[in-house]
Amino acid sequence: MAAPQTTETPSQGAAAPAGSLGRALFWPLAAAGLGMTLIYHSIGSPADDKPPAPPAAAASPSAAATSKATPSASPSLPRSVPTRLRIPAIAVDAPFTPLSIGASGRLDAPPPNDKNLVGWFKDGVTPGERGASIVAGHVDTTTGPAVFLQLRFLKPGATVDITRADGTVASFAVDTVETFSKADFPDKKVYADTPDAQLRLITCGGNYDRKVKDYEDNVVVFAHLDSVKKG
């Protein structure tokens, strides 16, 4: 279910440095060229702001892969759902929950009462498959700082390990960590189809706007599949 509406400001929001905390999020999803548009909004967003769900072709896990005429030489894996995320550099060790499009037409957020939980868009590619796999997490919940509090501090070369249900561990190497304004979010750069296995880790960042009850930016980690091992 999507996060409930609230009028509270984020915990520590008044004293925290800009971008250090976020609030439970709403994530609308819409088609964007060959990729997907997944724009993050706080729980204070207007209730009538409901972008449509993506077309079936855009949401299908295999659609992007089957459209490629020439396979990539980069490593990739068959489909298998993720079960755990580990990022040693920022002490992340969290289980996954699948995220889907809710009745509102938005991608449901991870439960706001669990500070150590990440979600993945279950109708997209799984981590390790060819394409850009989407993983989202809160930086703050109603109970305090959450799983992606320090995501913005990751550096290029850092390792992101995702354990999958088939027993494999897909190890991703961070390429860049970028911050984008929600008002000018580069949908194609973040969500466009890729010929190799890539990963996007997304959370809120930037200044908190008390008037609209939303953070102004998104922090996005771009990473590529570097190696595969048995769990």
C-alpha atoms as a PDB file:
ATOM      1  CA  MET A   1       0.000   0.000   0.000  1.00  0.00           C
ATOM      2  CA  ALA A   2       1.075   3.569  -0.590  1.00  0.00           C
ATOM      3  CA  ALA A   3       2.312   5.571   2.364  1.00  0.00           C
ATOM      4  CA  PRO A   4      -0.475   7.295   4.323  1.00  0.00           C
ATOM      5  CA  GLN A   5      -1.056  11.027   4.222  1.00  0.00           C
ATOM      6  CA  THR A   6       0.325  13.073   7.111  1.00  0.00           C
ATOM      7  CA  THR A   7       0.901  16.656   8.055  1.00  0.00           C
ATOM      8  CA  GLU A   8       4.028  15.970  10.108  1.00  0.00           C
ATOM      9  CA  THR A   9       7.387  17.337   9.050  1.00  0.00           C
ATOM     10  CA  PRO A  10      10.252  14.835   8.791  1.00  0.00           C
ATOM     11  CA  SER A  11      12.058  13.847  11.936  1.00  0.00           C
ATOM     12  CA  GLN A  12      15.030  16.117  12.582  1.00  0.00           C
ATOM     13  CA  GLY A  13      13.948  18.074   9.500  1.00  0.00           C
ATOM     14  CA  ALA A  14      14.312  21.455  11.131  1.00  0.00           C
ATOM     15  CA  ALA A  15      17.861  20.939  12.334  1.00  0.00           C
ATOM     16  CA  ALA A  16      19.320  18.494   9.841  1.00  0.00           C
ATOM     17  CA  PRO A  17      21.650  19.611   7.027  1.00  0.00           C
ATOM     18  CA  ALA A  18      20.020  19.949   3.625  1.00  0.00           C
ATOM     19  CA  GLY A  19      19.438  16.575   2.013  1.00  0.00           C
ATOM     20  CA  SER A  20      20.197  14.507   5.117  1.00  0.00           C
ATOM     21  CA  LEU A  21      16.681  13.257   5.692  1.00  0.00           C
ATOM     22  CA  GLY A  22      13.548  12.522   3.721  1.00  0.00           C
ATOM     23  CA  ARG A  23       9.991  11.496   4.444  1.00  0.00           C
ATOM     24  CA  ALA A  24       7.938   8.496   3.321  1.00  0.00           C
ATOM     25  CA  LEU A  25       7.553   8.732  -0.422  1.00  0.00           C
ATOM     26  CA  PHE A  26       5.077   8.327  -3.234  1.00  0.00           C
ATOM     27  CA  TRP A  27       6.459   7.173  -6.560  1.00  0.00           C
ATOM     28  CA  PRO A  28       4.365   7.714  -9.699  1.00  0.00           C
ATOM     29  CA  LEU A  29       5.320   5.681 -12.723  1.00  0.00           C
ATOM     30  CA  ALA A  30       4.806   6.500 -16.414  1.00  0.00           C
ATOM     31  CA  ALA A  31       6.341   5.555 -19.761  1.00  0.00           C
ATOM     32  CA  ALA A  32       9.363   7.625 -20.848  1.00  0.00           C
ATOM     33  CA  GLY A  33      10.708   6.641 -24.287  1.00  0.00           C
ATOM     34  CA  LEU A  34      12.355   3.241 -24.022  1.00  0.00           C
ATOM     35  CA  GLY A  35      12.649   3.546 -20.264  1.00  0.00           C
ATOM     36  CA  MET A  36      10.370   4.326 -17.365  1.00  0.00           C
ATOM     37  CA  THR A  37       9.487   7.484 -15.543  1.00  0.00           C
ATOM     38  CA  LEU A  38       9.598   7.006 -11.793  1.00  0.00           C
ATOM     39  CA  ILE A  39       9.349  10.331  -9.993  1.00  0.00           C
ATOM     40  CA  TYR A  40       9.508  10.488  -6.218  1.00  0.00           C
ATOM     41  CA  HIS A  41       7.089  12.599  -4.169  1.00  0.00           C
ATOM     42  CA  SER A  42       6.638  13.003  -0.439  1.00  0.00           C
ATOM     43  CA  ILE A  43       3.508  11.941   1.379  1.00  0.00           C
ATOM     44  CA  GLY A  44       2.372  15.551   1.344  1.00  0.00           C
ATOM     45  CA  SER A  45       1.816  15.461  -2.418  1.00  0.00           C
ATOM     46  CA  PRO A  46      -1.646  16.393  -3.752  1.00  0.00           C
ATOM     47  CA  ALA A  47      -4.008  13.422  -3.710  1.00  0.00           C
ATOM     48  CA  ASP A  48      -5.156  14.073  -7.278  1.00  0.00           C
ATOM     49  CA  ASP A  49      -1.652  13.920  -8.765  1.00  0.00           C
ATOM     50  CA  LYS A  50      -1.965  10.432 -10.251  1.00  0.00           C
ATOM     51  CA  PRO A  51       0.147   9.700 -13.344  1.00  0.00           C
ATOM     52  CA  PRO A  52      -0.923   6.600 -15.273  1.00  0.00           C
ATOM     53  CA  ALA A  53       0.774   3.239 -14.964  1.00  0.00           C
ATOM     54  CA  PRO A  54       3.211   2.326 -17.756  1.00  0.00           C
ATOM     55  CA  PRO A  55       1.993   0.476 -20.864  1.00  0.00           C
ATOM     56  CA  ALA A  56       2.277  -3.284 -20.642  1.00  0.00           C
ATOM     57  CA  ALA A  57       5.262  -3.331 -23.002  1.00  0.00           C
ATOM     58  CA  ALA A  58       7.199  -0.889 -20.868  1.00  0.00           C
ATOM     59  CA  ALA A  59       6.433  -2.732 -17.647  1.00  0.00           C
ATOM     60  CA  SER A  60       7.118  -6.235 -18.922  1.00  0.00           C
ATOM     61  CA  PRO A  61      10.327  -7.722 -17.454  1.00  0.00           C
ATOM     62  CA  SER A  62      11.285  -9.287 -20.786  1.00  0.00           C
ATOM     63  CA  ALA A  63      10.194  -6.610 -23.222  1.00  0.00           C
ATOM     64  CA  ALA A  64      13.432  -4.656 -23.200  1.00  0.00           C
ATOM     65  CA  ALA A  65      15.635  -7.741 -23.412  1.00  0.00           C
ATOM     66  CA  THR A  66      13.777  -9.292 -26.323  1.00  0.00           C
ATOM     67  CA  SER A  67      13.981  -6.071 -28.323  1.00  0.00           C
ATOM     68  CA  LYS A  68      17.775  -6.243 -28.439  1.00  0.00           C
ATOM     69  CA  ALA A  69      19.088  -7.740 -31.651  1.00  0.00           C
ATOM     70  CA  THR A  70      22.674  -8.125 -30.430  1.00  0.00           C
ATOM     71  CA  PRO A  71      23.349  -9.429 -26.914  1.00  0.00           C
ATOM     72  CA  SER A  72      25.777  -7.450 -24.772  1.00  0.00           C
ATOM     73  CA  ALA A  73      29.135  -8.967 -23.883  1.00  0.00           C
ATOM     74  CA  SER A  74      28.731  -7.631 -20.341  1.00  0.00           C
ATOM     75  CA  PRO A  75      27.761 -10.083 -17.592  1.00  0.00           C
ATOM     76  CA  SER A  76      24.054 -10.628 -16.972  1.00  0.00           C
ATOM     77  CA  LEU A  77      21.819 -13.100 -15.179  1.00  0.00           C
ATOM     78  CA  PRO A  78      18.438 -14.724 -15.742  1.00  0.00           C
ATOM     79  CA  ARG A  79      15.463 -13.355 -13.846  1.00  0.00           C
ATOM     80  CA  SER A  80      15.444 -13.984 -10.096  1.00  0.00           C
ATOM     81  CA  VAL A  81      13.897 -11.833  -7.408  1.00  0.00           C
ATOM     82  CA  PRO A  82      16.197  -9.997  -4.975  1.00  0.00           C
ATOM     83  CA  THR A  83      16.118 -10.942  -1.301  1.00  0.00           C
ATOM     84  CA  ARG A  84      18.765  -8.809   0.405  1.00  0.00           C
ATOM     85  CA  LEU A  85      20.773  -5.642  -0.232  1.00  0.00           C
ATOM     86  CA  ARG A  86      24.183  -5.022   1.293  1.00  0.00           C
ATOM     87  CA  ILE A  87      26.260  -1.856   0.847  1.00  0.00           C
ATOM     88  CA  PRO A  88      29.292  -2.181   3.154  1.00  0.00           C
ATOM     89  CA  ALA A  89      30.525   1.393   2.644  1.00  0.00           C
ATOM     90  CA  ILE A  90      27.397   2.856   4.288  1.00  0.00           C
ATOM     91  CA  ALA A  91      26.498  -0.085   6.561  1.00  0.00           C
ATOM     92  CA  VAL A  92      23.341  -1.079   4.675  1.00  0.00           C
ATOM     93  CA  ASP A  93      22.061  -4.620   5.216  1.00  0.00           C
ATOM     94  CA  ALA A  94      18.356  -4.814   4.417  1.00  0.00           C
ATOM     95  CA  PRO A  95      15.715  -7.181   3.045  1.00  0.00           C
ATOM     96  CA  PHE A  96      13.662  -6.425  -0.055  1.00  0.00           C
ATOM     97  CA  THR A  97       9.962  -5.980  -0.575  1.00  0.00           C
ATOM     98  CA  PRO A  98       8.377  -5.958  -4.047  1.00  0.00           C
ATOM     99  CA  LEU A  99       6.794  -2.694  -5.186  1.00  0.00           C
ATOM    100  CA  SER A 100       3.939  -2.526  -7.657  1.00  0.00           C
ATOM    101  CA  ILE A 101       1.556  -0.010  -9.166  1.00  0.00           C
ATOM    102  CA  GLY A 102      -1.269   0.734  -6.726  1.00  0.00           C
ATOM    103  CA  ALA A 103      -4.870   1.642  -7.404  1.00  0.00           C
ATOM    104  CA  SER A 104      -3.893   5.314  -7.486  1.00  0.00           C
ATOM    105  CA  GLY A 105      -1.638   4.703 -10.497  1.00  0.00           C
ATOM    106  CA  ARG A 106       1.454   5.253  -8.368  1.00  0.00           C
ATOM    107  CA  LEU A 107       4.214   2.857  -7.485  1.00  0.00           C
ATOM    108  CA  ASP A 108       3.562   1.897  -3.881  1.00  0.00           C
ATOM    109  CA  ALA A 109       6.291   2.888  -1.432  1.00  0.00           C
ATOM    110  CA  PRO A 110       7.966   0.527   1.033  1.00  0.00           C
ATOM    111  CA  PRO A 111       6.060   0.451   4.340  1.00  0.00           C
ATOM    112  CA  PRO A 112       6.740   3.727   6.164  1.00  0.00           C
ATOM    113  CA  ASN A 113       6.969   2.038   9.583  1.00  0.00           C
ATOM    114  CA  ASP A 114      10.005  -0.099   8.662  1.00  0.00           C
ATOM    115  CA  LYS A 115      13.257   1.853   8.628  1.00  0.00           C
ATOM    116  CA  ASN A 116      15.384  -1.038   7.352  1.00  0.00           C
ATOM    117  CA  LEU A 117      13.598  -2.142   4.199  1.00  0.00           C
ATOM    118  CA  VAL A 118      14.187  -1.492   0.499  1.00  0.00           C
ATOM    119  CA  GLY A 119      11.813  -2.005  -2.400  1.00  0.00           C
ATOM    120  CA  TRP A 120      12.269  -2.988  -6.017  1.00  0.00           C
ATOM    121  CA  PHE A 121       9.924  -2.455  -8.953  1.00  0.00           C
ATOM    122  CA  LYS A 122       8.728  -6.033  -9.432  1.00  0.00           C
ATOM    123  CA  ASP A 123       7.381  -5.469 -12.954  1.00  0.00           C
ATOM    124  CA  GLY A 124      10.760  -4.274 -14.197  1.00  0.00           C
ATOM    125  CA  VAL A 125      14.000  -6.228 -14.572  1.00  0.00           C
ATOM    126  CA  THR A 126      15.420  -7.958 -11.503  1.00  0.00           C
ATOM    127  CA  PRO A 127      18.901  -6.959 -10.298  1.00  0.00           C
ATOM    128  CA  GLY A 128      21.422  -8.699 -12.550  1.00  0.00           C
ATOM    129  CA  GLU A 129      19.198  -8.939 -15.634  1.00  0.00           C
ATOM    130  CA  ARG A 130      19.998  -6.815 -18.666  1.00  0.00           C
ATOM    131  CA  GLY A 131      18.393  -3.435 -18.209  1.00  0.00           C
ATOM    132  CA  ALA A 132      18.132  -0.913 -15.393  1.00  0.00           C
ATOM    133  CA  SER A 133      16.767  -2.424 -12.187  1.00  0.00           C
ATOM    134  CA  ILE A 134      15.044   0.074  -9.885  1.00  0.00           C
ATOM    135  CA  VAL A 135      15.591  -0.080  -6.123  1.00  0.00           C
ATOM    136  CA  ALA A 136      14.085   2.493  -3.762  1.00  0.00           C
ATOM    137  CA  GLY A 137      14.374   3.221  -0.076  1.00  0.00           C
ATOM    138  CA  HIS A 138      13.475   5.845   2.493  1.00  0.00           C
ATOM    139  CA  VAL A 139      16.034   8.130   4.084  1.00  0.00           C
ATOM    140  CA  ASP A 140      13.629   8.795   6.936  1.00  0.00           C
ATOM    141  CA  THR A 141      10.431   7.330   8.354  1.00  0.00           C
ATOM    142  CA  THR A 142       8.057   8.311  11.142  1.00  0.00           C
ATOM    143  CA  THR A 143      10.431   6.562  13.550  1.00  0.00           C
ATOM    144  CA  GLY A 144      13.642   8.286  12.439  1.00  0.00           C
ATOM    145  CA  PRO A 145      16.538   7.869   9.976  1.00  0.00           C
ATOM    146  CA  ALA A 146      16.112   4.985   7.556  1.00  0.00           C
ATOM    147  CA  VAL A 147      17.995   2.637   5.260  1.00  0.00           C
ATOM    148  CA  PHE A 148      19.169   5.134   2.612  1.00  0.00           C
ATOM    149  CA  LEU A 149      20.106   7.948   4.983  1.00  0.00           C
ATOM    150  CA  GLN A 150      23.724   7.914   3.767  1.00  0.00           C
ATOM    151  CA  LEU A 151      23.158   6.959   0.144  1.00  0.00           C
ATOM    152  CA  ARG A 152      24.447  10.317  -1.115  1.00  0.00           C
ATOM    153  CA  PHE A 153      27.843   9.626   0.451  1.00  0.00           C
ATOM    154  CA  LEU A 154      28.615   6.592  -1.735  1.00  0.00           C
ATOM    155  CA  LYS A 155      31.695   6.962  -3.922  1.00  0.00           C
ATOM    156  CA  PRO A 156      32.478   5.570  -7.392  1.00  0.00           C
ATOM    157  CA  GLY A 157      33.847   2.059  -7.067  1.00  0.00           C
ATOM    158  CA  ALA A 158      31.828   1.190  -3.965  1.00  0.00           C
ATOM    159  CA  THR A 159      30.249  -2.259  -3.979  1.00  0.00           C
ATOM    160  CA  VAL A 160      26.524  -2.973  -3.864  1.00  0.00           C
ATOM    161  CA  ASP A 161      25.746  -6.659  -3.280  1.00  0.00           C
ATOM    162  CA  ILE A 162      22.287  -8.030  -4.007  1.00  0.00           C
ATOM    163  CA  THR A 163      21.459 -11.579  -2.954  1.00  0.00           C
ATOM    164  CA  ARG A 164      18.871 -13.220  -5.209  1.00  0.00           C
ATOM    165  CA  ALA A 165      16.387 -16.048  -4.703  1.00  0.00           C
ATOM    166  CA  ASP A 166      18.390 -18.343  -7.008  1.00  0.00           C
ATOM    167  CA  GLY A 167      21.318 -18.265  -4.577  1.00  0.00           C
ATOM    168  CA  THR A 168      23.505 -15.914  -6.591  1.00  0.00           C
ATOM    169  CA  VAL A 169      24.904 -12.607  -5.369  1.00  0.00           C
ATOM    170  CA  ALA A 170      25.014  -9.874  -8.012  1.00  0.00           C
ATOM    171  CA  SER A 171      27.802  -7.440  -7.168  1.00  0.00           C
ATOM    172  CA  PHE A 172      27.423  -3.972  -8.664  1.00  0.00           C
ATOM    173  CA  ALA A 173      30.100  -1.289  -8.838  1.00  0.00           C
ATOM    174  CA  VAL A 174      29.002   2.297  -8.327  1.00  0.00           C
ATOM    175  CA  ASP A 175      29.672   4.539 -11.326  1.00  0.00           C
ATOM    176  CA  THR A 176      28.280   7.865 -10.162  1.00  0.00           C
ATOM    177  CA  VAL A 177      26.074   9.376  -7.487  1.00  0.00           C
ATOM    178  CA  GLU A 178      24.021  12.309  -8.725  1.00  0.00           C
ATOM    179  CA  THR A 179      21.405  14.648  -7.331  1.00  0.00           C
ATOM    180  CA  PHE A 180      18.562  15.859  -9.551  1.00  0.00           C
ATOM    181  CA  SER A 181      15.826  18.398  -8.992  1.00  0.00           C
ATOM    182  CA  LYS A 182      12.408  16.763  -8.905  1.00  0.00           C
ATOM    183  CA  ALA A 183      11.172  19.672 -10.996  1.00  0.00           C
ATOM    184  CA  ASP A 184      13.578  18.728 -13.794  1.00  0.00           C
ATOM    185  CA  PHE A 185      14.170  15.018 -13.298  1.00  0.00           C
ATOM    186  CA  PRO A 186      16.057  13.365 -16.228  1.00  0.00           C
ATOM    187  CA  ASP A 187      13.723  10.418 -16.787  1.00  0.00           C
ATOM    188  CA  LYS A 188      15.516   8.994 -19.802  1.00  0.00           C
ATOM    189  CA  LYS A 189      18.942   9.169 -18.163  1.00  0.00           C
ATOM    190  CA  VAL A 190      17.721   7.302 -15.111  1.00  0.00           C
ATOM    191  CA  TYR A 191      15.152   4.878 -16.524  1.00  0.00           C
ATOM    192  CA  ALA A 192      16.024   4.295 -20.172  1.00  0.00           C
ATOM    193  CA  ASP A 193      16.704   0.728 -21.274  1.00  0.00           C
ATOM    194  CA  THR A 194      20.351  -0.379 -21.139  1.00  0.00           C
ATOM    195  CA  PRO A 195      22.115  -3.147 -23.109  1.00  0.00           C
ATOM    196  CA  ASP A 196      23.876  -4.398 -19.970  1.00  0.00           C
ATOM    197  CA  ALA A 197      22.844  -5.117 -16.382  1.00  0.00           C
ATOM    198  CA  GLN A 198      22.624  -1.895 -14.401  1.00  0.00           C
ATOM    199  CA  LEU A 199      21.189  -0.724 -11.098  1.00  0.00           C
ATOM    200  CA  ARG A 200      19.570   2.492  -9.904  1.00  0.00           C
ATOM    201  CA  LEU A 201      19.288   3.211  -6.183  1.00  0.00           C
ATOM    202  CA  ILE A 202      16.953   6.123  -5.501  1.00  0.00           C
ATOM    203  CA  THR A 203      15.926   8.202  -2.511  1.00  0.00           C
ATOM    204  CA  CYS A 204      15.118  11.807  -1.587  1.00  0.00           C
ATOM    205  CA  GLY A 205      17.607  14.624  -1.069  1.00  0.00           C
ATOM    206  CA  GLY A 206      18.109  18.359  -1.163  1.00  0.00           C
ATOM    207  CA  ASN A 207      16.204  20.954   0.828  1.00  0.00           C
ATOM    208  CA  TYR A 208      12.916  20.121   2.503  1.00  0.00           C
ATOM    209  CA  ASP A 209      10.056  22.366   1.403  1.00  0.00           C
ATOM    210  CA  ARG A 210       7.695  22.640   4.357  1.00  0.00           C
ATOM    211  CA  LYS A 211       4.983  24.253   2.256  1.00  0.00           C
ATOM    212  CA  VAL A 212       4.589  21.281  -0.086  1.00  0.00           C
ATOM    213  CA  LYS A 213       5.899  18.738   2.449  1.00  0.00           C
ATOM    214  CA  ASP A 214       8.449  17.360   0.011  1.00  0.00           C
ATOM    215  CA  TYR A 215      12.179  17.275  -0.534  1.00  0.00           C
ATOM    216  CA  GLU A 216      13.263  19.185  -3.606  1.00  0.00           C
ATOM    217  CA  ASP A 217      15.682  16.641  -5.057  1.00  0.00           C
ATOM    218  CA  ASN A 218      16.325  12.960  -5.678  1.00  0.00           C
ATOM    219  CA  VAL A 219      19.617  11.205  -5.051  1.00  0.00           C
ATOM    220  CA  VAL A 220      20.329   8.556  -7.689  1.00  0.00           C
ATOM    221  CA  VAL A 221      23.135   5.999  -7.612  1.00  0.00           C
ATOM    222  CA  PHE A 222      24.139   4.614 -11.015  1.00  0.00           C
ATOM    223  CA  ALA A 223      25.872   1.219 -10.894  1.00  0.00           C
ATOM    224  CA  HIS A 224      26.710  -1.660 -13.242  1.00  0.00           C
ATOM    225  CA  LEU A 225      26.937  -5.401 -12.690  1.00  0.00           C
ATOM    226  CA  ASP A 226      30.589  -6.153 -11.958  1.00  0.00           C
ATOM    227  CA  SER A 227      30.648  -9.803 -10.887  1.00  0.00           C
ATOM    228  CA  VAL A 228      28.504 -12.734  -9.811  1.00  0.00           C
ATOM    229  CA  LYS A 229      29.117 -15.259  -7.059  1.00  0.00           C
ATOM    230  CA  LYS A 230      27.255 -17.919  -5.160  1.00  0.00           C
ATOM    231  CA  GLY A 231      25.615 -16.803  -1.927  1.00  0.00           C
END
